Structures are given as structure tokens and as C-alpha cells.
Amino acid sequence: MIELRGVCKSYGSKRAVDHLDLTVRPGELYAFLGPNGAGKTTTIKMICGLLAPSQGEVLVGGYPAASQDAHRLLGYVPDQPYLYDKLTGREFLKFVVEMYGIGRSAGLARIDELIDTFEMSDFIDELCENYSQGMKQRVVFASALVHDPQVLVVDEPLVGLDPRSARIVKNLFVSQARGGAAVLMSIHLLAIAEELADTIGIVDHGRMLTVGTLAELREQAQHDGSLEELFLKLTGNDLPRTAGPGSRNRSEPSP
């Protein structure tokens, strides 16, 4: 459902994405990992049609990512939730329903379903300007799902969510993928990626370093530790071991 072929994106002399190949299939939950500045958000914006690649091809459901056909298939949750402050959450969701051309009765039923799913009934009729970060995030998630997308792309999805809301969202990722959607999740919380992902891709300096299941990544790197340890090894950010009690620096003279 998502396919990048030899994709590059440059900003002047800086290349943010460098000949990147990436595929997310229907029914797959793909964790897209990398250090800050690795090119993840730039890649996501190209998948969502917000940026054009400098080189290569970005397809969603077989359509160019910037096309209306691709947009109808895709739901996108950015790293920062943007809402209209002077609308209520319900009014915002109705606006999104109208933008997708969903019929009134079906749209209202879908909104009610999502309000229940994300437990928003206590605040959905308040102005968005009064929402906490977590409330905004739940409304944005609901807006991305009103049209039942076949592709779901999320950038740092758990920012600002309390543990219960985070669990709702994690369950949602799994249910969307098991229902046949292609889910691409960019996230810094490696334990969540290790818990949920079918496939893990690790990118650095705009290039894909490795991709596969966690077991396949461990085999490729000949490293049997956690995903965090594997990530640090592959991205060249290994942390030195902490010296134990009573240890000394080798260059320190003996008393």
C-alpha cells in the first residue's frame, strides 16, 4: 500500500532523504525508527503528499502520493495536533467528514463511534482551545479515521497521552493492521515498536540501515539484545558501560 522507490529529498545542498526504498503492505504494522534528523518526518510528509520528492517515486495504493486518489486512501496523524481553536471537537470532526464527502447520517454515526472509541464524550463539545495536548491528540486520531482509511501514517503518536489513552491508541494500531490496513508508525519509544511492530525499519542520514522483523534484525546485526541496544549499535550511538563500584580510570595513578 505504501511504496518508496529510490526516493531522495534535498534542501539546497543538504540531502534529508537519500535513495530510500520502503514498502508497507496491507495488514502490516511497520515501525519507522531513526535518530533525530534521520529523515523520518520528511519521508512521512512525502508519503502524505505534503512534500514532493527531489528524485524517485512515492506511491500510496499504487497512486502518486500527491494525487486525490492517494489522499482518499490515507489517514495521517502529525507529530503536533492542529485543530481550529474556535470549533468544538465535534464540529471539527463534522468538518472533516464533509471534506471527505461522507453522507450526513453515515458521518454522524462514524463520529459517535469514534467518540466512544477514544473516550471523548466528556470534552468533545467544548472548544478546542480549552483542550490539553492529550485531548487534541485523540481528536486528531479520530479525524484521521473518519473515512476508514486503508493506509494510516502516524508521526510520534503517543506524545501527550496518558497511559490509558496510549493503550487505546496502541490497540487501535493493531486492530487497523489486523483489519487489513497498512500502518506506518514513526516513534522514538523503542519499547512500543518492539511490542507492536510486525516490521521494523531503521533509517539514519536519510538512508535505510536495515529492515525486517526484530528476529531478522538481530540476526543481521549478530546482536541478541533489546531493540534499544540494537538501534544504538546500528546508528553508531553505543553508550559506554558504566563503571562498577570500586573501579578506576586506567590512566589514574595508584595511591
C-alpha atoms as a PDB file:
ATOM      1  CA  MET A   1       0.000   0.000   0.000  1.00  0.00           C
ATOM      2  CA  ILE A   2       2.969   2.327   0.628  1.00  0.00           C
ATOM      3  CA  GLU A   3       5.945   2.136  -1.696  1.00  0.00           C
ATOM      4  CA  LEU A   4       9.004   4.368  -1.989  1.00  0.00           C
ATOM      5  CA  ARG A   5      11.440   3.667  -4.793  1.00  0.00           C
ATOM      6  CA  GLY A   6      14.835   5.361  -4.804  1.00  0.00           C
ATOM      7  CA  VAL A   7      13.432   8.440  -3.093  1.00  0.00           C
ATOM      8  CA  CYS A   8      15.632  11.468  -2.426  1.00  0.00           C
ATOM      9  CA  LYS A   9      14.733  14.815  -0.895  1.00  0.00           C
ATOM     10  CA  SER A  10      17.174  17.698  -0.824  1.00  0.00           C
ATOM     11  CA  TYR A  11      17.016  21.142   0.737  1.00  0.00           C
ATOM     12  CA  GLY A  12      19.661  23.098  -1.121  1.00  0.00           C
ATOM     13  CA  SER A  13      22.924  21.229  -0.599  1.00  0.00           C
ATOM     14  CA  LYS A  14      21.532  19.144   2.283  1.00  0.00           C
ATOM     15  CA  ARG A  15      20.090  15.746   1.409  1.00  0.00           C
ATOM     16  CA  ALA A  16      17.498  14.794   4.028  1.00  0.00           C
ATOM     17  CA  VAL A  17      16.428  11.524   2.344  1.00  0.00           C
ATOM     18  CA  ASP A  18      18.956   9.596   0.287  1.00  0.00           C
ATOM     19  CA  HIS A  19      17.825   6.894  -2.183  1.00  0.00           C
ATOM     20  CA  LEU A  20      15.304   5.435   0.245  1.00  0.00           C
ATOM     21  CA  ASP A  21      13.344   2.275  -0.554  1.00  0.00           C
ATOM     22  CA  LEU A  22      10.435   1.435   1.741  1.00  0.00           C
ATOM     23  CA  THR A  23       7.396  -0.837   1.437  1.00  0.00           C
ATOM     24  CA  VAL A  24       4.433  -1.253   3.812  1.00  0.00           C
ATOM     25  CA  ARG A  25       1.971  -3.984   2.816  1.00  0.00           C
ATOM     26  CA  PRO A  26      -1.728  -4.358   3.658  1.00  0.00           C
ATOM     27  CA  GLY A  27      -2.141  -5.780   7.158  1.00  0.00           C
ATOM     28  CA  GLU A  28       1.374  -4.750   8.214  1.00  0.00           C
ATOM     29  CA  LEU A  29       2.298  -2.578  11.206  1.00  0.00           C
ATOM     30  CA  TYR A  30       5.631  -1.001  10.291  1.00  0.00           C
ATOM     31  CA  ALA A  31       7.752   0.867  12.887  1.00  0.00           C
ATOM     32  CA  PHE A  32       9.886   3.535  11.199  1.00  0.00           C
ATOM     33  CA  LEU A  33      12.800   4.339  13.518  1.00  0.00           C
ATOM     34  CA  GLY A  34      15.795   6.629  13.452  1.00  0.00           C
ATOM     35  CA  PRO A  35      17.676   9.286  15.445  1.00  0.00           C
ATOM     36  CA  ASN A  36      16.627  12.925  15.361  1.00  0.00           C
ATOM     37  CA  GLY A  37      17.361  14.377  11.931  1.00  0.00           C
ATOM     38  CA  ALA A  38      17.416  10.963  10.253  1.00  0.00           C
ATOM     39  CA  GLY A  39      14.789  11.953   7.657  1.00  0.00           C
ATOM     40  CA  LYS A  40      11.716  10.287   9.160  1.00  0.00           C
ATOM     41  CA  THR A  41       9.361  13.277   9.188  1.00  0.00           C
ATOM     42  CA  THR A  42      10.483  14.358   5.708  1.00  0.00           C
ATOM     43  CA  THR A  43       9.727  10.850   4.466  1.00  0.00           C
ATOM     44  CA  ILE A  44       6.303  10.864   6.110  1.00  0.00           C
ATOM     45  CA  LYS A  45       5.446  14.232   4.572  1.00  0.00           C
ATOM     46  CA  MET A  46       6.315  12.859   1.117  1.00  0.00           C
ATOM     47  CA  ILE A  47       4.083   9.820   1.720  1.00  0.00           C
ATOM     48  CA  CYS A  48       1.241  12.170   2.688  1.00  0.00           C
ATOM     49  CA  GLY A  49       1.780  14.331  -0.396  1.00  0.00           C
ATOM     50  CA  LEU A  50       2.847  17.376   1.641  1.00  0.00           C
ATOM     51  CA  LEU A  51       6.322  17.386   0.088  1.00  0.00           C
ATOM     52  CA  ALA A  52       7.423  16.362  -3.393  1.00  0.00           C
ATOM     53  CA  PRO A  53      10.482  14.118  -3.707  1.00  0.00           C
ATOM     54  CA  SER A  54      13.530  15.549  -5.460  1.00  0.00           C
ATOM     55  CA  GLN A  55      14.031  12.150  -7.059  1.00  0.00           C
ATOM     56  CA  GLY A  56      12.306   8.765  -7.060  1.00  0.00           C
ATOM     57  CA  GLU A  57       8.710   7.646  -6.717  1.00  0.00           C
ATOM     58  CA  VAL A  58       6.278   7.664  -3.776  1.00  0.00           C
ATOM     59  CA  LEU A  59       3.098   5.596  -4.184  1.00  0.00           C
ATOM     60  CA  VAL A  60       0.093   5.073  -1.900  1.00  0.00           C
ATOM     61  CA  GLY A  61      -2.233   2.289  -3.006  1.00  0.00           C
ATOM     62  CA  GLY A  62      -0.496   2.375  -6.388  1.00  0.00           C
ATOM     63  CA  TYR A  63      -1.265   6.094  -6.872  1.00  0.00           C
ATOM     64  CA  PRO A  64       1.203   9.014  -6.744  1.00  0.00           C
ATOM     65  CA  ALA A  65       1.245  10.275  -3.165  1.00  0.00           C
ATOM     66  CA  ALA A  66       0.160  13.801  -4.123  1.00  0.00           C
ATOM     67  CA  SER A  67      -2.944  12.599  -6.014  1.00  0.00           C
ATOM     68  CA  GLN A  68      -6.540  12.771  -4.773  1.00  0.00           C
ATOM     69  CA  ASP A  69      -6.837   9.003  -5.193  1.00  0.00           C
ATOM     70  CA  ALA A  70      -3.977   8.527  -2.719  1.00  0.00           C
ATOM     71  CA  HIS A  71      -5.430  11.074  -0.278  1.00  0.00           C
ATOM     72  CA  ARG A  72      -8.749   9.211  -0.154  1.00  0.00           C
ATOM     73  CA  LEU A  73      -6.924   6.077   0.978  1.00  0.00           C
ATOM     74  CA  LEU A  74      -4.782   7.696   3.643  1.00  0.00           C
ATOM     75  CA  GLY A  75      -5.195   8.856   7.243  1.00  0.00           C
ATOM     76  CA  TYR A  76      -2.407  10.991   8.716  1.00  0.00           C
ATOM     77  CA  VAL A  77      -1.631  11.920  12.319  1.00  0.00           C
ATOM     78  CA  PRO A  78       1.195  14.510  12.520  1.00  0.00           C
ATOM     79  CA  ASP A  79       3.595  14.892  15.427  1.00  0.00           C
ATOM     80  CA  GLN A  80       1.797  18.082  16.541  1.00  0.00           C
ATOM     81  CA  PRO A  81      -2.033  18.093  16.643  1.00  0.00           C
ATOM     82  CA  TYR A  82      -3.504  21.107  14.861  1.00  0.00           C
ATOM     83  CA  LEU A  83      -7.171  21.948  15.435  1.00  0.00           C
ATOM     84  CA  TYR A  84      -9.363  25.012  14.925  1.00  0.00           C
ATOM     85  CA  ASP A  85      -9.457  26.614  18.366  1.00  0.00           C
ATOM     86  CA  LYS A  86     -12.903  28.188  17.906  1.00  0.00           C
ATOM     87  CA  LEU A  87     -14.568  24.905  16.942  1.00  0.00           C
ATOM     88  CA  THR A  88     -15.600  22.172  19.324  1.00  0.00           C
ATOM     89  CA  GLY A  89     -14.112  18.744  18.784  1.00  0.00           C
ATOM     90  CA  ARG A  90     -17.413  17.513  17.381  1.00  0.00           C
ATOM     91  CA  GLU A  91     -17.623  20.469  14.957  1.00  0.00           C
ATOM     92  CA  PHE A  92     -14.067  19.751  13.818  1.00  0.00           C
ATOM     93  CA  LEU A  93     -14.922  16.105  13.130  1.00  0.00           C
ATOM     94  CA  LYS A  94     -18.044  17.153  11.213  1.00  0.00           C
ATOM     95  CA  PHE A  95     -15.863  19.464   9.113  1.00  0.00           C
ATOM     96  CA  VAL A  96     -13.505  16.575   8.287  1.00  0.00           C
ATOM     97  CA  VAL A  97     -16.461  14.330   7.408  1.00  0.00           C
ATOM     98  CA  GLU A  98     -17.721  16.966   4.962  1.00  0.00           C
ATOM     99  CA  MET A  99     -14.230  17.345   3.462  1.00  0.00           C
ATOM    100  CA  TYR A 100     -14.223  13.622   2.642  1.00  0.00           C
ATOM    101  CA  GLY A 101     -17.713  13.806   1.150  1.00  0.00           C
ATOM    102  CA  ILE A 102     -19.194  11.315   3.594  1.00  0.00           C
ATOM    103  CA  GLY A 103     -23.004  11.365   3.801  1.00  0.00           C
ATOM    104  CA  ARG A 104     -24.529  13.125   6.802  1.00  0.00           C
ATOM    105  CA  SER A 105     -26.109  10.127   8.554  1.00  0.00           C
ATOM    106  CA  ALA A 106     -23.116   7.849   7.967  1.00  0.00           C
ATOM    107  CA  GLY A 107     -20.743  10.637   9.045  1.00  0.00           C
ATOM    108  CA  LEU A 108     -22.587  11.343  12.280  1.00  0.00           C
ATOM    109  CA  ALA A 109     -22.705   7.637  13.111  1.00  0.00           C
ATOM    110  CA  ARG A 110     -18.966   7.349  12.468  1.00  0.00           C
ATOM    111  CA  ILE A 111     -18.254  10.372  14.664  1.00  0.00           C
ATOM    112  CA  ASP A 112     -20.289   8.871  17.524  1.00  0.00           C
ATOM    113  CA  GLU A 113     -18.385   5.599  17.128  1.00  0.00           C
ATOM    114  CA  LEU A 114     -15.005   7.360  17.309  1.00  0.00           C
ATOM    115  CA  ILE A 115     -16.081   9.459  20.304  1.00  0.00           C
ATOM    116  CA  ASP A 116     -16.777   6.180  22.117  1.00  0.00           C
ATOM    117  CA  THR A 117     -13.543   4.556  20.896  1.00  0.00           C
ATOM    118  CA  PHE A 118     -11.357   7.413  22.140  1.00  0.00           C
ATOM    119  CA  GLU A 119     -13.485   8.129  25.233  1.00  0.00           C
ATOM    120  CA  MET A 120     -14.064  11.780  24.294  1.00  0.00           C
ATOM    121  CA  SER A 121     -17.666  12.314  25.395  1.00  0.00           C
ATOM    122  CA  ASP A 122     -16.654  14.404  28.420  1.00  0.00           C
ATOM    123  CA  PHE A 123     -14.983  17.114  26.331  1.00  0.00           C
ATOM    124  CA  ILE A 124     -15.963  16.711  22.669  1.00  0.00           C
ATOM    125  CA  ASP A 125     -18.489  19.593  22.809  1.00  0.00           C
ATOM    126  CA  GLU A 126     -16.041  22.056  24.383  1.00  0.00           C
ATOM    127  CA  LEU A 127     -13.961  24.489  22.295  1.00  0.00           C
ATOM    128  CA  CYS A 128     -10.670  23.002  21.132  1.00  0.00           C
ATOM    129  CA  GLU A 129      -8.769  25.963  22.598  1.00  0.00           C
ATOM    130  CA  ASN A 130      -9.510  24.522  26.044  1.00  0.00           C
ATOM    131  CA  TYR A 131      -8.121  21.063  25.281  1.00  0.00           C
ATOM    132  CA  SER A 132      -4.998  19.538  26.769  1.00  0.00           C
ATOM    133  CA  GLN A 133      -2.373  18.070  24.457  1.00  0.00           C
ATOM    134  CA  GLY A 134      -3.776  14.589  25.030  1.00  0.00           C
ATOM    135  CA  MET A 135      -7.345  15.672  24.235  1.00  0.00           C
ATOM    136  CA  LYS A 136      -6.180  17.307  20.999  1.00  0.00           C
ATOM    137  CA  GLN A 137      -4.263  14.175  20.074  1.00  0.00           C
ATOM    138  CA  ARG A 138      -7.340  11.980  20.488  1.00  0.00           C
ATOM    139  CA  VAL A 139      -9.459  14.276  18.299  1.00  0.00           C
ATOM    140  CA  VAL A 140      -6.755  14.279  15.606  1.00  0.00           C
ATOM    141  CA  PHE A 141      -6.649  10.480  15.697  1.00  0.00           C
ATOM    142  CA  ALA A 142     -10.410  10.359  15.289  1.00  0.00           C
ATOM    143  CA  SER A 143     -10.255  12.806  12.362  1.00  0.00           C
ATOM    144  CA  ALA A 144      -7.705  10.586  10.621  1.00  0.00           C
ATOM    145  CA  LEU A 145     -10.038   7.602  10.886  1.00  0.00           C
ATOM    146  CA  VAL A 146     -13.435   9.066   9.937  1.00  0.00           C
ATOM    147  CA  HIS A 147     -13.166   7.798   6.347  1.00  0.00           C
ATOM    148  CA  ASP A 148     -11.912   4.315   7.375  1.00  0.00           C
ATOM    149  CA  PRO A 149      -8.525   4.678   5.606  1.00  0.00           C
ATOM    150  CA  GLN A 150      -6.660   1.770   4.067  1.00  0.00           C
ATOM    151  CA  VAL A 151      -3.350   3.434   4.954  1.00  0.00           C
ATOM    152  CA  LEU A 152      -2.603   5.016   8.344  1.00  0.00           C
ATOM    153  CA  VAL A 153       0.544   7.117   8.833  1.00  0.00           C
ATOM    154  CA  VAL A 154       1.378   8.406  12.312  1.00  0.00           C
ATOM    155  CA  ASP A 155       4.315  10.538  13.467  1.00  0.00           C
ATOM    156  CA  GLU A 156       5.158  10.250  17.193  1.00  0.00           C
ATOM    157  CA  PRO A 157       1.606   9.185  18.075  1.00  0.00           C
ATOM    158  CA  LEU A 158       1.836   8.883  21.856  1.00  0.00           C
ATOM    159  CA  VAL A 159       3.026  12.421  22.669  1.00  0.00           C
ATOM    160  CA  GLY A 160       0.892  13.916  25.448  1.00  0.00           C
ATOM    161  CA  LEU A 161      -1.241  10.818  26.006  1.00  0.00           C
ATOM    162  CA  ASP A 162      -1.877   9.419  29.471  1.00  0.00           C
ATOM    163  CA  PRO A 163      -1.321   5.662  29.946  1.00  0.00           C
ATOM    164  CA  ARG A 164      -4.977   4.746  29.311  1.00  0.00           C
ATOM    165  CA  SER A 165      -5.177   6.847  26.128  1.00  0.00           C
ATOM    166  CA  ALA A 166      -1.843   5.424  24.981  1.00  0.00           C
ATOM    167  CA  ARG A 167      -3.205   1.902  25.420  1.00  0.00           C
ATOM    168  CA  ILE A 168      -6.317   2.792  23.389  1.00  0.00           C
ATOM    169  CA  VAL A 169      -4.111   4.113  20.585  1.00  0.00           C
ATOM    170  CA  LYS A 170      -1.791   1.089  20.651  1.00  0.00           C
ATOM    171  CA  ASN A 171      -4.760  -1.263  20.446  1.00  0.00           C
ATOM    172  CA  LEU A 172      -6.072   0.817  17.569  1.00  0.00           C
ATOM    173  CA  PHE A 173      -2.828   0.383  15.588  1.00  0.00           C
ATOM    174  CA  VAL A 174      -3.039  -3.365  15.971  1.00  0.00           C
ATOM    175  CA  SER A 175      -6.740  -3.547  15.095  1.00  0.00           C
ATOM    176  CA  GLN A 176      -6.263  -1.373  11.999  1.00  0.00           C
ATOM    177  CA  ALA A 177      -3.418  -3.572  10.763  1.00  0.00           C
ATOM    178  CA  ARG A 178      -5.264  -6.813  11.533  1.00  0.00           C
ATOM    179  CA  GLY A 179      -8.231  -5.374   9.647  1.00  0.00           C
ATOM    180  CA  GLY A 180      -6.077  -5.089   6.519  1.00  0.00           C
ATOM    181  CA  ALA A 181      -4.773  -1.509   6.712  1.00  0.00           C
ATOM    182  CA  ALA A 182      -1.134  -0.637   6.131  1.00  0.00           C
ATOM    183  CA  VAL A 183       0.109   1.192   9.247  1.00  0.00           C
ATOM    184  CA  LEU A 184       3.358   3.190   9.258  1.00  0.00           C
ATOM    185  CA  MET A 185       4.358   4.424  12.703  1.00  0.00           C
ATOM    186  CA  SER A 186       7.320   6.734  13.366  1.00  0.00           C
ATOM    187  CA  ILE A 187       8.143   6.603  17.063  1.00  0.00           C
ATOM    188  CA  HIS A 188      11.030   7.242  19.463  1.00  0.00           C
ATOM    189  CA  LEU A 189       9.694   4.864  22.113  1.00  0.00           C
ATOM    190  CA  LEU A 190      11.562   1.716  21.096  1.00  0.00           C
ATOM    191  CA  ALA A 191       9.769  -0.470  23.638  1.00  0.00           C
ATOM    192  CA  ILE A 192       6.473   0.326  21.864  1.00  0.00           C
ATOM    193  CA  ALA A 193       7.971  -0.566  18.489  1.00  0.00           C
ATOM    194  CA  GLU A 194       9.318  -3.803  19.955  1.00  0.00           C
ATOM    195  CA  GLU A 195       5.888  -4.596  21.437  1.00  0.00           C
ATOM    196  CA  LEU A 196       3.709  -3.831  18.399  1.00  0.00           C
ATOM    197  CA  ALA A 197       5.570  -3.881  15.104  1.00  0.00           C
ATOM    198  CA  ASP A 198       5.445  -6.623  12.515  1.00  0.00           C
ATOM    199  CA  THR A 199       8.294  -4.976  10.630  1.00  0.00           C
ATOM    200  CA  ILE A 200      10.965  -2.514  11.790  1.00  0.00           C
ATOM    201  CA  GLY A 201      12.914  -0.181   9.530  1.00  0.00           C
ATOM    202  CA  ILE A 202      15.823   1.837  10.922  1.00  0.00           C
ATOM    203  CA  VAL A 203      16.932   4.898   8.988  1.00  0.00           C
ATOM    204  CA  ASP A 204      19.861   7.260   9.567  1.00  0.00           C
ATOM    205  CA  HIS A 205      21.152  10.182   7.492  1.00  0.00           C
ATOM    206  CA  GLY A 206      18.273   9.590   5.097  1.00  0.00           C
ATOM    207  CA  ARG A 207      19.305   6.008   4.269  1.00  0.00           C
ATOM    208  CA  MET A 208      17.692   2.744   5.308  1.00  0.00           C
ATOM    209  CA  LEU A 209      20.163   0.875   7.502  1.00  0.00           C
ATOM    210  CA  THR A 210      18.153  -2.298   7.978  1.00  0.00           C
ATOM    211  CA  VAL A 211      14.609  -3.625   7.744  1.00  0.00           C
ATOM    212  CA  GLY A 212      12.879  -6.796   8.924  1.00  0.00           C
ATOM    213  CA  THR A 213      11.292  -8.425  11.934  1.00  0.00           C
ATOM    214  CA  LEU A 214      13.066  -7.973  15.255  1.00  0.00           C
ATOM    215  CA  ALA A 215      14.424 -11.524  14.956  1.00  0.00           C
ATOM    216  CA  GLU A 216      15.726 -10.794  11.446  1.00  0.00           C
ATOM    217  CA  LEU A 217      17.362  -7.537  12.594  1.00  0.00           C
ATOM    218  CA  ARG A 218      19.090  -9.354  15.434  1.00  0.00           C
ATOM    219  CA  GLU A 219      20.358 -11.974  13.015  1.00  0.00           C
ATOM    220  CA  GLN A 220      21.587  -9.371  10.510  1.00  0.00           C
ATOM    221  CA  ALA A 221      23.422  -7.410  13.210  1.00  0.00           C
ATOM    222  CA  GLN A 222      24.592 -10.531  15.052  1.00  0.00           C
ATOM    223  CA  HIS A 223      23.252  -8.961  18.222  1.00  0.00           C
ATOM    224  CA  ASP A 224      20.816 -10.676  20.577  1.00  0.00           C
ATOM    225  CA  GLY A 225      19.905  -7.761  22.862  1.00  0.00           C
ATOM    226  CA  SER A 226      16.907  -5.472  23.093  1.00  0.00           C
ATOM    227  CA  LEU A 227      15.721  -3.288  20.234  1.00  0.00           C
ATOM    228  CA  GLU A 228      17.192  -0.290  22.064  1.00  0.00           C
ATOM    229  CA  GLU A 229      20.650  -1.902  22.158  1.00  0.00           C
ATOM    230  CA  LEU A 230      20.328  -2.956  18.525  1.00  0.00           C
ATOM    231  CA  PHE A 231      19.230   0.547  17.499  1.00  0.00           C
ATOM    232  CA  LEU A 232      22.182   2.187  19.277  1.00  0.00           C
ATOM    233  CA  LYS A 233      24.613  -0.245  17.688  1.00  0.00           C
ATOM    234  CA  LEU A 234      23.289   0.257  14.160  1.00  0.00           C
ATOM    235  CA  THR A 235      23.148   4.058  14.397  1.00  0.00           C
ATOM    236  CA  GLY A 236      26.625   4.330  15.912  1.00  0.00           C
ATOM    237  CA  ASN A 237      25.362   5.648  19.234  1.00  0.00           C
ATOM    238  CA  ASP A 238      26.523   2.866  21.546  1.00  0.00           C
ATOM    239  CA  LEU A 239      26.727   4.060  25.122  1.00  0.00           C
ATOM    240  CA  PRO A 240      29.841   3.264  27.189  1.00  0.00           C
ATOM    241  CA  ARG A 241      29.340   0.805  30.004  1.00  0.00           C
ATOM    242  CA  THR A 242      29.027   2.432  33.419  1.00  0.00           C
ATOM    243  CA  ALA A 243      31.961   1.630  35.651  1.00  0.00           C
ATOM    244  CA  GLY A 244      31.081  -0.536  38.617  1.00  0.00           C
ATOM    245  CA  PRO A 245      31.742   0.360  42.267  1.00  0.00           C
ATOM    246  CA  GLY A 246      35.416   0.489  43.133  1.00  0.00           C
ATOM    247  CA  SER A 247      36.600   0.723  39.517  1.00  0.00           C
ATOM    248  CA  ARG A 248      39.147   3.335  38.420  1.00  0.00           C
ATOM    249  CA  ASN A 249      40.242   5.040  35.247  1.00  0.00           C
ATOM    250  CA  ARG A 250      43.172   3.101  33.746  1.00  0.00           C
ATOM    251  CA  SER A 251      45.212   6.293  33.451  1.00  0.00           C
ATOM    252  CA  GLU A 252      44.683   7.166  37.116  1.00  0.00           C
ATOM    253  CA  PRO A 253      47.820   6.599  39.186  1.00  0.00           C
ATOM    254  CA  SER A 254      47.747   4.099  42.028  1.00  0.00           C
ATOM    255  CA  PRO A 255      47.761   5.548  45.520  1.00  0.00           C
END
